[in-house]
Amino acid sequence: MESRHGRRKGDTEMYEYTTKTGETSLKRGITYNPNLKAKLLGVFASCVLKTGQRFGYNKYEDIYRDYRSSLDNSPKYNNKSDINKHKIML
């Protein structure tokens, strides 16, 4: 059975966490490693951008640059760093 987010029941698991008030509680979370995902996507994005420089044209680089310029010009993201803008795009 799929959840409303498109994940199957086996893709999530219950784990303990500490709330802001210091209480221990349970919540359902994803089973993959989010730090690993961030690293892999960062490497993938840089490889995609480099292939555009190497072969002269890359449609994904155009998409990346267009979206990035829209984030740079948006007042909502004025206070975000370049790294945060890059993470938003992934």
PDB file of N, CA and C in Angstrom:
ATOM      1  N   MET A   1       0.834  -1.184   0.000  1.00  0.00           N
ATOM      2  CA  MET A   1       0.000   0.000   0.000  1.00  0.00           C
ATOM      3  C   MET A   1       0.878   1.247   0.000  1.00  0.00           C
ATOM      4  N   GLU A   2       0.590   2.187  -0.876  1.00  0.00           N
ATOM      5  CA  GLU A   2       1.373   3.411  -0.961  1.00  0.00           C
ATOM      6  C   GLU A   2       0.769   4.488  -0.077  1.00  0.00           C
ATOM      7  N   SER A   3       1.644   5.300   0.492  1.00  0.00           N
ATOM      8  CA  SER A   3       1.169   6.421   1.292  1.00  0.00           C
ATOM      9  C   SER A   3       0.820   7.574   0.363  1.00  0.00           C
ATOM     10  N   ARG A   4       0.363   8.653   0.912  1.00  0.00           N
ATOM     11  CA  ARG A   4       0.012   9.808   0.084  1.00  0.00           C
ATOM     12  C   ARG A   4       1.242  10.466  -0.523  1.00  0.00           C
ATOM     13  N   HIS A   5       2.438  10.112  -0.035  1.00  0.00           N
ATOM     14  CA  HIS A   5       3.678  10.671  -0.561  1.00  0.00           C
ATOM     15  C   HIS A   5       4.318   9.764  -1.602  1.00  0.00           C
ATOM     16  N   GLY A   6       3.664   8.658  -1.937  1.00  0.00           N
ATOM     17  CA  GLY A   6       4.205   7.758  -2.938  1.00  0.00           C
ATOM     18  C   GLY A   6       5.196   6.745  -2.388  1.00  0.00           C
ATOM     19  N   ARG A   7       5.344   6.685  -1.080  1.00  0.00           N
ATOM     20  CA  ARG A   7       6.256   5.707  -0.482  1.00  0.00           C
ATOM     21  C   ARG A   7       5.467   4.492  -0.029  1.00  0.00           C
ATOM     22  N   ARG A   8       6.094   3.347  -0.138  1.00  0.00           N
ATOM     23  CA  ARG A   8       5.474   2.125   0.377  1.00  0.00           C
ATOM     24  C   ARG A   8       5.740   2.031   1.879  1.00  0.00           C
ATOM     25  N   LYS A   9       4.996   1.179   2.526  1.00  0.00           N
ATOM     26  CA  LYS A   9       5.121   1.003   3.981  1.00  0.00           C
ATOM     27  C   LYS A   9       6.554   0.611   4.365  1.00  0.00           C
ATOM     28  N   GLY A  10       7.221  -0.197   3.546  1.00  0.00           N
ATOM     29  CA  GLY A  10       8.573  -0.643   3.860  1.00  0.00           C
ATOM     30  C   GLY A  10       9.632   0.428   3.699  1.00  0.00           C
ATOM     31  N   ASP A  11       9.287   1.568   3.098  1.00  0.00           N
ATOM     32  CA  ASP A  11      10.259   2.634   2.891  1.00  0.00           C
ATOM     33  C   ASP A  11      10.416   3.530   4.119  1.00  0.00           C
ATOM     34  N   THR A  12       9.544   3.372   5.095  1.00  0.00           N
ATOM     35  CA  THR A  12       9.629   4.183   6.300  1.00  0.00           C
ATOM     36  C   THR A  12       9.693   3.271   7.521  1.00  0.00           C
ATOM     37  N   GLU A  13      10.205   3.829   8.593  1.00  0.00           N
ATOM     38  CA  GLU A  13      10.273   3.077   9.849  1.00  0.00           C
ATOM     39  C   GLU A  13      10.089   4.032  11.015  1.00  0.00           C
ATOM     40  N   MET A  14       9.712   3.481  12.138  1.00  0.00           N
ATOM     41  CA  MET A  14       9.524   4.282  13.340  1.00  0.00           C
ATOM     42  C   MET A  14      10.869   4.423  14.062  1.00  0.00           C
ATOM     43  N   TYR A  15      11.149   5.635  14.529  1.00  0.00           N
ATOM     44  CA  TYR A  15      12.355   5.827  15.321  1.00  0.00           C
ATOM     45  C   TYR A  15      12.114   6.886  16.379  1.00  0.00           C
ATOM     46  N   GLU A  16      12.950   6.834  17.416  1.00  0.00           N
ATOM     47  CA  GLU A  16      12.813   7.766  18.532  1.00  0.00           C
ATOM     48  C   GLU A  16      13.561   9.055  18.237  1.00  0.00           C
ATOM     49  N   TYR A  17      13.030  10.153  18.724  1.00  0.00           N
ATOM     50  CA  TYR A  17      13.722  11.427  18.645  1.00  0.00           C
ATOM     51  C   TYR A  17      13.366  12.240  19.877  1.00  0.00           C
ATOM     52  N   THR A  18      14.128  13.272  20.138  1.00  0.00           N
ATOM     53  CA  THR A  18      13.899  14.128  21.285  1.00  0.00           C
ATOM     54  C   THR A  18      13.279  15.433  20.805  1.00  0.00           C
ATOM     55  N   THR A  19      12.158  15.794  21.386  1.00  0.00           N
ATOM     56  CA  THR A  19      11.473  17.028  21.004  1.00  0.00           C
ATOM     57  C   THR A  19      12.198  18.236  21.585  1.00  0.00           C
ATOM     58  N   LYS A  20      11.753  19.445  21.208  1.00  0.00           N
ATOM     59  CA  LYS A  20      12.365  20.671  21.715  1.00  0.00           C
ATOM     60  C   LYS A  20      12.231  20.787  23.224  1.00  0.00           C
ATOM     61  N   THR A  21      11.160  20.198  23.773  1.00  0.00           N
ATOM     62  CA  THR A  21      10.942  20.271  25.221  1.00  0.00           C
ATOM     63  C   THR A  21      11.727  19.210  25.978  1.00  0.00           C
ATOM     64  N   GLY A  22      12.429  18.329  25.243  1.00  0.00           N
ATOM     65  CA  GLY A  22      13.243  17.304  25.886  1.00  0.00           C
ATOM     66  C   GLY A  22      12.552  15.962  26.045  1.00  0.00           C
ATOM     67  N   GLU A  23      11.309  15.853  25.589  1.00  0.00           N
ATOM     68  CA  GLU A  23      10.593  14.583  25.692  1.00  0.00           C
ATOM     69  C   GLU A  23      11.020  13.650  24.566  1.00  0.00           C
ATOM     70  N   THR A  24      11.016  12.352  24.860  1.00  0.00           N
ATOM     71  CA  THR A  24      11.304  11.354  23.847  1.00  0.00           C
ATOM     72  C   THR A  24      10.001  10.926  23.204  1.00  0.00           C
ATOM     73  N   SER A  25       9.993  10.907  21.871  1.00  0.00           N
ATOM     74  CA  SER A  25       8.787  10.567  21.145  1.00  0.00           C
ATOM     75  C   SER A  25       9.135   9.699  19.941  1.00  0.00           C
ATOM     76  N   LEU A  26       8.121   9.104  19.326  1.00  0.00           N
ATOM     77  CA  LEU A  26       8.319   8.288  18.133  1.00  0.00           C
ATOM     78  C   LEU A  26       7.764   9.015  16.918  1.00  0.00           C
ATOM     79  N   LYS A  27       8.439   8.842  15.786  1.00  0.00           N
ATOM     80  CA  LYS A  27       7.886   9.338  14.530  1.00  0.00           C
ATOM     81  C   LYS A  27       8.358   8.454  13.394  1.00  0.00           C
ATOM     82  N   ARG A  28       7.608   8.481  12.311  1.00  0.00           N
ATOM     83  CA  ARG A  28       7.930   7.671  11.146  1.00  0.00           C
ATOM     84  C   ARG A  28       8.883   8.459  10.266  1.00  0.00           C
ATOM     85  N   GLY A  29       9.962   7.814   9.822  1.00  0.00           N
ATOM     86  CA  GLY A  29      10.949   8.485   8.984  1.00  0.00           C
ATOM     87  C   GLY A  29      11.392   7.603   7.838  1.00  0.00           C
ATOM     88  N   ILE A  30      12.111   8.203   6.913  1.00  0.00           N
ATOM     89  CA  ILE A  30      12.591   7.482   5.741  1.00  0.00           C
ATOM     90  C   ILE A  30      13.725   6.546   6.127  1.00  0.00           C
ATOM     91  N   THR A  31      13.931   5.512   5.320  1.00  0.00           N
ATOM     92  CA  THR A  31      14.936   4.514   5.666  1.00  0.00           C
ATOM     93  C   THR A  31      16.271   4.750   4.992  1.00  0.00           C
ATOM     94  N   TYR A  32      16.356   5.667   4.031  1.00  0.00           N
ATOM     95  CA  TYR A  32      17.643   5.914   3.403  1.00  0.00           C
ATOM     96  C   TYR A  32      18.415   6.958   4.198  1.00  0.00           C
ATOM     97  N   ASN A  33      19.700   7.052   3.916  1.00  0.00           N
ATOM     98  CA  ASN A  33      20.571   7.967   4.626  1.00  0.00           C
ATOM     99  C   ASN A  33      20.521   9.337   3.943  1.00  0.00           C
ATOM    100  N   PRO A  34      19.919  10.351   4.567  1.00  0.00           N
ATOM    101  CA  PRO A  34      19.798  11.656   3.915  1.00  0.00           C
ATOM    102  C   PRO A  34      21.148  12.326   3.654  1.00  0.00           C
ATOM    103  N   ASN A  35      22.147  12.075   4.506  1.00  0.00           N
ATOM    104  CA  ASN A  35      23.473  12.656   4.271  1.00  0.00           C
ATOM    105  C   ASN A  35      24.103  12.063   3.019  1.00  0.00           C
ATOM    106  N   LEU A  36      23.951  10.768   2.838  1.00  0.00           N
ATOM    107  CA  LEU A  36      24.471  10.118   1.642  1.00  0.00           C
ATOM    108  C   LEU A  36      23.758  10.635   0.399  1.00  0.00           C
ATOM    109  N   LYS A  37      22.450  10.808   0.490  1.00  0.00           N
ATOM    110  CA  LYS A  37      21.693  11.332  -0.648  1.00  0.00           C
ATOM    111  C   LYS A  37      22.196  12.722  -1.027  1.00  0.00           C
ATOM    112  N   ALA A  38      22.437  13.576  -0.046  1.00  0.00           N
ATOM    113  CA  ALA A  38      22.914  14.933  -0.327  1.00  0.00           C
ATOM    114  C   ALA A  38      24.278  14.900  -1.009  1.00  0.00           C
ATOM    115  N   LYS A  39      25.162  14.023  -0.546  1.00  0.00           N
ATOM    116  CA  LYS A  39      26.492  13.911  -1.153  1.00  0.00           C
ATOM    117  C   LYS A  39      26.397  13.415  -2.585  1.00  0.00           C
ATOM    118  N   LEU A  40      25.585  12.377  -2.816  1.00  0.00           N
ATOM    119  CA  LEU A  40      25.457  11.829  -4.157  1.00  0.00           C
ATOM    120  C   LEU A  40      24.858  12.837  -5.126  1.00  0.00           C
ATOM    121  N   LEU A  41      23.820  13.554  -4.694  1.00  0.00           N
ATOM    122  CA  LEU A  41      23.220  14.557  -5.563  1.00  0.00           C
ATOM    123  C   LEU A  41      24.171  15.709  -5.834  1.00  0.00           C
ATOM    124  N   GLY A  42      24.978  16.071  -4.862  1.00  0.00           N
ATOM    125  CA  GLY A  42      25.973  17.126  -5.067  1.00  0.00           C
ATOM    126  C   GLY A  42      27.002  16.725  -6.104  1.00  0.00           C
ATOM    127  N   VAL A  43      27.455  15.486  -6.035  1.00  0.00           N
ATOM    128  CA  VAL A  43      28.417  14.979  -7.021  1.00  0.00           C
ATOM    129  C   VAL A  43      27.760  14.887  -8.391  1.00  0.00           C
ATOM    130  N   PHE A  44      26.528  14.395  -8.424  1.00  0.00           N
ATOM    131  CA  PHE A  44      25.815  14.260  -9.690  1.00  0.00           C
ATOM    132  C   PHE A  44      25.615  15.622 -10.350  1.00  0.00           C
ATOM    133  N   ALA A  45      25.203  16.611  -9.565  1.00  0.00           N
ATOM    134  CA  ALA A  45      24.963  17.944 -10.119  1.00  0.00           C
ATOM    135  C   ALA A  45      26.245  18.535 -10.693  1.00  0.00           C
ATOM    136  N   SER A  46      27.351  18.381  -9.987  1.00  0.00           N
ATOM    137  CA  SER A  46      28.602  18.935 -10.506  1.00  0.00           C
ATOM    138  C   SER A  46      29.042  18.210 -11.773  1.00  0.00           C
ATOM    139  N   CYS A  47      28.793  16.909 -11.853  1.00  0.00           N
ATOM    140  CA  CYS A  47      29.136  16.163 -13.068  1.00  0.00           C
ATOM    141  C   CYS A  47      28.285  16.619 -14.249  1.00  0.00           C
ATOM    142  N   VAL A  48      27.014  16.859 -14.018  1.00  0.00           N
ATOM    143  CA  VAL A  48      26.133  17.331 -15.089  1.00  0.00           C
ATOM    144  C   VAL A  48      26.596  18.684 -15.600  1.00  0.00           C
ATOM    145  N   LEU A  49      26.970  19.565 -14.688  1.00  0.00           N
ATOM    146  CA  LEU A  49      27.434  20.885 -15.105  1.00  0.00           C
ATOM    147  C   LEU A  49      28.758  20.803 -15.857  1.00  0.00           C
ATOM    148  N   LYS A  50      29.634  19.914 -15.451  1.00  0.00           N
ATOM    149  CA  LYS A  50      30.926  19.777 -16.129  1.00  0.00           C
ATOM    150  C   LYS A  50      30.788  19.181 -17.520  1.00  0.00           C
ATOM    151  N   THR A  51      29.820  18.307 -17.740  1.00  0.00           N
ATOM    152  CA  THR A  51      29.665  17.733 -19.070  1.00  0.00           C
ATOM    153  C   THR A  51      29.239  18.800 -20.065  1.00  0.00           C
ATOM    154  N   GLY A  52      28.484  19.786 -19.625  1.00  0.00           N
ATOM    155  CA  GLY A  52      28.109  20.882 -20.506  1.00  0.00           C
ATOM    156  C   GLY A  52      29.319  21.680 -20.950  1.00  0.00           C
ATOM    157  N   GLN A  53      30.284  21.857 -20.048  1.00  0.00           N
ATOM    158  CA  GLN A  53      31.501  22.584 -20.397  1.00  0.00           C
ATOM    159  C   GLN A  53      32.379  21.757 -21.325  1.00  0.00           C
ATOM    160  N   ARG A  54      32.360  20.452 -21.140  1.00  0.00           N
ATOM    161  CA  ARG A  54      33.247  19.580 -21.905  1.00  0.00           C
ATOM    162  C   ARG A  54      32.750  19.345 -23.327  1.00  0.00           C
ATOM    163  N   PHE A  55      31.448  19.149 -23.486  1.00  0.00           N
ATOM    164  CA  PHE A  55      30.909  18.811 -24.798  1.00  0.00           C
ATOM    165  C   PHE A  55      30.220  19.979 -25.484  1.00  0.00           C
ATOM    166  N   GLY A  56      30.206  21.136 -24.868  1.00  0.00           N
ATOM    167  CA  GLY A  56      29.679  22.327 -25.518  1.00  0.00           C
ATOM    168  C   GLY A  56      28.214  22.620 -25.242  1.00  0.00           C
ATOM    169  N   TYR A  57      27.391  21.613 -25.027  1.00  0.00           N
ATOM    170  CA  TYR A  57      25.975  21.875 -24.781  1.00  0.00           C
ATOM    171  C   TYR A  57      25.408  20.779 -23.898  1.00  0.00           C
ATOM    172  N   ASN A  58      24.574  21.199 -22.960  1.00  0.00           N
ATOM    173  CA  ASN A  58      23.905  20.261 -22.076  1.00  0.00           C
ATOM    174  C   ASN A  58      22.572  20.888 -21.674  1.00  0.00           C
ATOM    175  N   LYS A  59      21.464  20.254 -22.058  1.00  0.00           N
ATOM    176  CA  LYS A  59      20.159  20.846 -21.753  1.00  0.00           C
ATOM    177  C   LYS A  59      19.907  20.915 -20.256  1.00  0.00           C
ATOM    178  N   TYR A  60      20.481  19.984 -19.483  1.00  0.00           N
ATOM    179  CA  TYR A  60      20.285  20.003 -18.039  1.00  0.00           C
ATOM    180  C   TYR A  60      21.026  21.179 -17.398  1.00  0.00           C
ATOM    181  N   GLU A  61      22.144  21.546 -17.980  1.00  0.00           N
ATOM    182  CA  GLU A  61      22.861  22.712 -17.479  1.00  0.00           C
ATOM    183  C   GLU A  61      22.027  23.967 -17.708  1.00  0.00           C
ATOM    184  N   ASP A  62      21.372  24.051 -18.858  1.00  0.00           N
ATOM    185  CA  ASP A  62      20.508  25.200 -19.138  1.00  0.00           C
ATOM    186  C   ASP A  62      19.360  25.274 -18.123  1.00  0.00           C
ATOM    187  N   ILE A  63      18.764  24.134 -17.831  1.00  0.00           N
ATOM    188  CA  ILE A  63      17.675  24.092 -16.848  1.00  0.00           C
ATOM    189  C   ILE A  63      18.182  24.535 -15.475  1.00  0.00           C
ATOM    190  N   TYR A  64      19.353  24.007 -15.087  1.00  0.00           N
ATOM    191  CA  TYR A  64      19.953  24.360 -13.796  1.00  0.00           C
ATOM    192  C   TYR A  64      20.209  25.858 -13.723  1.00  0.00           C
ATOM    193  N   ARG A  65      20.844  26.408 -14.736  1.00  0.00           N
ATOM    194  CA  ARG A  65      21.211  27.826 -14.727  1.00  0.00           C
ATOM    195  C   ARG A  65      19.974  28.738 -14.744  1.00  0.00           C
ATOM    196  N   ASP A  66      18.944  28.347 -15.497  1.00  0.00           N
ATOM    197  CA  ASP A  66      17.710  29.144 -15.521  1.00  0.00           C
ATOM    198  C   ASP A  66      17.044  29.168 -14.156  1.00  0.00           C
ATOM    199  N   TYR A  67      16.939  28.000 -13.525  1.00  0.00           N
ATOM    200  CA  TYR A  67      16.297  27.935 -12.211  1.00  0.00           C
ATOM    201  C   TYR A  67      17.141  28.663 -11.162  1.00  0.00           C
ATOM    202  N   ARG A  68      18.458  28.530 -11.274  1.00  0.00           N
ATOM    203  CA  ARG A  68      19.354  29.196 -10.333  1.00  0.00           C
ATOM    204  C   ARG A  68      19.224  30.711 -10.442  1.00  0.00           C
ATOM    205  N   SER A  69      19.123  31.216 -11.668  1.00  0.00           N
ATOM    206  CA  SER A  69      18.976  32.666 -11.823  1.00  0.00           C
ATOM    207  C   SER A  69      17.635  33.149 -11.265  1.00  0.00           C
ATOM    208  N   SER A  70      16.600  32.312 -11.375  1.00  0.00           N
ATOM    209  CA  SER A  70      15.318  32.702 -10.782  1.00  0.00           C
ATOM    210  C   SER A  70      15.403  32.739  -9.256  1.00  0.00           C
ATOM    211  N   LEU A  71      16.179  31.831  -8.668  1.00  0.00           N
ATOM    212  CA  LEU A  71      16.382  31.876  -7.213  1.00  0.00           C
ATOM    213  C   LEU A  71      17.207  33.092  -6.813  1.00  0.00           C
ATOM    214  N   ASP A  72      18.223  33.421  -7.610  1.00  0.00           N
ATOM    215  CA  ASP A  72      19.060  34.585  -7.305  1.00  0.00           C
ATOM    216  C   ASP A  72      18.264  35.881  -7.355  1.00  0.00           C
ATOM    217  N   ASN A  73      17.274  35.953  -8.236  1.00  0.00           N
ATOM    218  CA  ASN A  73      16.483  37.171  -8.399  1.00  0.00           C
ATOM    219  C   ASN A  73      15.239  37.218  -7.521  1.00  0.00           C
ATOM    220  N   SER A  74      14.949  36.143  -6.812  1.00  0.00           N
ATOM    221  CA  SER A  74      13.763  36.081  -5.970  1.00  0.00           C
ATOM    222  C   SER A  74      14.032  36.726  -4.607  1.00  0.00           C
ATOM    223  N   PRO A  75      13.166  37.631  -4.159  1.00  0.00           N
ATOM    224  CA  PRO A  75      13.370  38.244  -2.841  1.00  0.00           C
ATOM    225  C   PRO A  75      13.247  37.233  -1.692  1.00  0.00           C
ATOM    226  N   LYS A  76      12.548  36.137  -1.940  1.00  0.00           N
ATOM    227  CA  LYS A  76      12.378  35.111  -0.909  1.00  0.00           C
ATOM    228  C   LYS A  76      13.712  34.468  -0.518  1.00  0.00           C
ATOM    229  N   TYR A  77      14.653  34.396  -1.486  1.00  0.00           N
ATOM    230  CA  TYR A  77      15.922  33.709  -1.243  1.00  0.00           C
ATOM    231  C   TYR A  77      17.105  34.665  -1.169  1.00  0.00           C
ATOM    232  N   ASN A  78      16.863  35.951  -0.933  1.00  0.00           N
ATOM    233  CA  ASN A  78      17.963  36.918  -0.856  1.00  0.00           C
ATOM    234  C   ASN A  78      18.941  36.617   0.270  1.00  0.00           C
ATOM    235  N   ASN A  79      18.438  36.141   1.393  1.00  0.00           N
ATOM    236  CA  ASN A  79      19.296  35.901   2.547  1.00  0.00           C
ATOM    237  C   ASN A  79      19.913  34.503   2.566  1.00  0.00           C
ATOM    238  N   LYS A  80      19.679  33.705   1.534  1.00  0.00           N
ATOM    239  CA  LYS A  80      20.241  32.347   1.463  1.00  0.00           C
ATOM    240  C   LYS A  80      21.624  32.374   0.833  1.00  0.00           C
ATOM    241  N   SER A  81      22.507  31.492   1.294  1.00  0.00           N
ATOM    242  CA  SER A  81      23.841  31.394   0.712  1.00  0.00           C
ATOM    243  C   SER A  81      23.791  30.613  -0.605  1.00  0.00           C
ATOM    244  N   ASP A  82      24.897  30.626  -1.339  1.00  0.00           N
ATOM    245  CA  ASP A  82      24.956  29.892  -2.607  1.00  0.00           C
ATOM    246  C   ASP A  82      24.766  28.394  -2.388  1.00  0.00           C
ATOM    247  N   ILE A  83      25.325  27.872  -1.310  1.00  0.00           N
ATOM    248  CA  ILE A  83      25.187  26.443  -1.009  1.00  0.00           C
ATOM    249  C   ILE A  83      23.733  26.103  -0.744  1.00  0.00           C
ATOM    250  N   ASN A  84      23.033  26.942   0.022  1.00  0.00           N
ATOM    251  CA  ASN A  84      21.621  26.676   0.320  1.00  0.00           C
ATOM    252  C   ASN A  84      20.773  26.734  -0.947  1.00  0.00           C
ATOM    253  N   LYS A  85      21.063  27.666  -1.840  1.00  0.00           N
ATOM    254  CA  LYS A  85      20.325  27.751  -3.095  1.00  0.00           C
ATOM    255  C   LYS A  85      20.555  26.493  -3.921  1.00  0.00           C
ATOM    256  N   HIS A  86      21.775  26.014  -3.913  1.00  0.00           N
ATOM    257  CA  HIS A  86      22.084  24.782  -4.650  1.00  0.00           C
ATOM    258  C   HIS A  86      21.312  23.594  -4.065  1.00  0.00           C
ATOM    259  N   LYS A  87      21.222  23.508  -2.743  1.00  0.00           N
ATOM    260  CA  LYS A  87      20.492  22.423  -2.101  1.00  0.00           C
ATOM    261  C   LYS A  87      18.997  22.506  -2.390  1.00  0.00           C
ATOM    262  N   ILE A  88      18.456  23.708  -2.481  1.00  0.00           N
ATOM    263  CA  ILE A  88      17.039  23.878  -2.790  1.00  0.00           C
ATOM    264  C   ILE A  88      16.746  23.299  -4.157  1.00  0.00           C
ATOM    265  N   MET A  89      17.664  23.463  -5.072  1.00  0.00           N
ATOM    266  CA  MET A  89      17.458  23.008  -6.451  1.00  0.00           C
ATOM    267  C   MET A  89      17.537  21.495  -6.586  1.00  0.00           C
ATOM    268  N   LEU A  90      18.187  20.826  -5.664  1.00  0.00           N
ATOM    269  CA  LEU A  90      18.303  19.372  -5.749  1.00  0.00           C
ATOM    270  C   LEU A  90      17.110  18.767  -5.135  1.00  0.00           C
TER     271      LEU A  90
END
